Amino acid sequence: MLRRSALALCAPLFLVSAASAAEPILGTWRVENGETVTYSACGTAFCATVDTGRYKGKSLGRVSGTGGRYTGSVVDPSNDKTYEGRAEVSGNILKLTGCVAKVFCQTRTWTR
């Protein structure tokens, strides 16, 4: 009986730990044109895949990081060119930046 009570008291702690461990980038994002992209775990990184529209099923790159700040590669689905990139999540806003030679950069803003 005591073991069951202790387990019942500890269960909420495990749930809180699991929820706080989820990375903010995971999930579905709405792109500026209304289409959606989903970030999911792929190994130790996070991969983006287009869910809707003309480029449905295409990979948009792979990023690594924690706590809302990520770096990696960004793929332009219209020409399959890969750029150095970074992503930053703040609440329901995801800012993606792709750069050529770390000088010429372009930022896109997505929402949940």
Protein backbone atom coordinates (compact mmCIF):
# COMPACT_ATOMS: atom_id res chain seq x y z
CA MET A 1 0.00 0.00 0.00
CA LEU A 2 2.81 2.42 0.91
CA ARG A 3 4.61 1.65 -2.35
CA ARG A 4 1.45 2.37 -4.37
CA SER A 5 0.94 5.71 -2.53
CA ALA A 6 4.55 6.75 -3.13
CA LEU A 7 4.23 5.90 -6.81
CA ALA A 8 0.99 7.90 -7.09
CA LEU A 9 2.69 10.92 -5.52
CA CYS A 10 5.71 10.70 -7.84
CA ALA A 11 3.77 10.20 -11.09
CA PRO A 12 2.98 13.92 -11.59
CA LEU A 13 6.69 14.73 -11.25
CA PHE A 14 7.50 12.43 -14.17
CA LEU A 15 4.80 14.08 -16.28
CA VAL A 16 6.16 17.56 -15.57
CA SER A 17 9.70 16.43 -16.44
CA ALA A 18 8.59 14.91 -19.74
CA ALA A 19 6.61 18.01 -20.72
CA SER A 20 9.44 20.41 -19.94
CA ALA A 21 11.91 18.21 -21.82
CA ALA A 22 10.04 18.68 -25.13
CA GLU A 23 11.87 21.06 -27.44
CA PRO A 24 9.94 24.18 -28.48
CA ILE A 25 10.67 23.61 -32.19
CA LEU A 26 8.80 20.29 -32.32
CA GLY A 27 5.39 20.36 -33.95
CA THR A 28 3.55 21.93 -36.85
CA TRP A 29 4.19 25.48 -38.04
CA ARG A 30 2.24 27.68 -40.45
CA VAL A 31 4.42 29.22 -43.15
CA GLU A 32 3.86 32.76 -44.45
CA ASN A 33 1.92 31.46 -47.47
CA GLY A 34 -0.44 29.38 -45.28
CA GLU A 35 1.16 26.00 -45.91
CA THR A 36 2.38 23.90 -42.99
CA VAL A 37 5.71 22.36 -42.03
CA THR A 38 6.37 19.90 -39.21
CA TYR A 39 9.56 19.65 -37.17
CA SER A 40 10.13 16.20 -35.70
CA ALA A 41 12.99 14.49 -33.90
CA CYS A 42 15.46 12.70 -36.20
CA GLY A 43 18.28 11.18 -34.21
CA THR A 44 19.78 13.90 -32.03
CA ALA A 45 18.54 16.66 -34.36
CA PHE A 46 15.21 18.07 -35.58
CA CYS A 47 14.09 17.69 -39.20
CA ALA A 48 11.54 19.79 -41.05
CA THR A 49 9.17 18.32 -43.63
CA VAL A 50 6.60 20.16 -45.75
CA ASP A 51 3.07 18.92 -44.94
CA THR A 52 0.96 20.77 -47.50
CA GLY A 53 1.17 22.53 -50.83
CA ARG A 54 3.39 22.29 -53.87
CA TYR A 55 6.42 20.89 -52.01
CA LYS A 56 4.52 18.41 -49.80
CA GLY A 57 6.85 15.69 -48.50
CA LYS A 58 10.09 17.61 -49.16
CA SER A 59 12.71 18.05 -46.46
CA LEU A 60 13.46 21.64 -45.43
CA GLY A 61 16.62 20.84 -43.51
CA ARG A 62 17.95 19.73 -40.18
CA VAL A 63 18.82 21.71 -37.06
CA SER A 64 20.34 20.92 -33.67
CA GLY A 65 20.15 22.80 -30.41
CA THR A 66 18.11 23.20 -27.26
CA GLY A 67 15.94 25.67 -25.43
CA GLY A 68 14.58 27.46 -28.47
CA ARG A 69 17.89 28.15 -30.30
CA TYR A 70 19.01 25.92 -33.14
CA THR A 71 21.59 25.86 -35.94
CA GLY A 72 22.00 23.67 -38.98
CA SER A 73 20.95 23.61 -42.60
CA VAL A 74 17.96 25.08 -44.42
CA VAL A 75 16.86 23.79 -47.83
CA ASP A 76 15.02 25.94 -50.36
CA PRO A 77 12.46 23.48 -51.77
CA SER A 78 12.09 25.41 -55.04
CA ASN A 79 15.69 24.72 -56.11
CA ASP A 80 16.97 22.20 -53.52
CA LYS A 81 19.85 24.50 -52.54
CA THR A 82 21.10 24.14 -48.97
CA TYR A 83 22.09 27.11 -46.82
CA GLU A 84 23.57 27.55 -43.37
CA GLY A 85 20.72 28.32 -41.07
CA ARG A 86 19.48 29.04 -37.63
CA ALA A 87 16.09 28.90 -35.98
CA GLU A 88 14.80 30.64 -32.88
CA VAL A 89 11.52 29.87 -31.12
CA SER A 90 9.79 32.41 -28.91
CA GLY A 91 6.36 31.27 -27.79
CA ASN A 92 4.32 30.56 -30.92
CA ILE A 93 6.77 32.31 -33.25
CA LEU A 94 9.59 30.55 -35.15
CA LYS A 95 12.15 32.73 -36.93
CA LEU A 96 14.19 30.87 -39.54
CA THR A 97 17.27 32.48 -41.07
CA GLY A 98 19.21 31.09 -44.02
CA CYS A 99 22.56 32.59 -45.05
CA VAL A 100 25.02 32.44 -47.91
CA ALA A 101 28.60 32.94 -46.69
CA LYS A 102 27.18 34.18 -43.34
CA VAL A 103 26.73 37.60 -44.96
CA PHE A 104 23.67 37.45 -47.19
CA CYS A 105 20.83 36.29 -44.96
CA GLN A 106 17.08 36.06 -45.25
CA THR A 107 14.66 35.52 -42.36
CA ARG A 108 11.20 33.99 -42.45
CA THR A 109 8.68 34.03 -39.60
CA TRP A 110 6.35 31.09 -39.00
CA THR A 111 3.58 30.70 -36.41
CA ARG A 112 1.89 27.81 -34.63
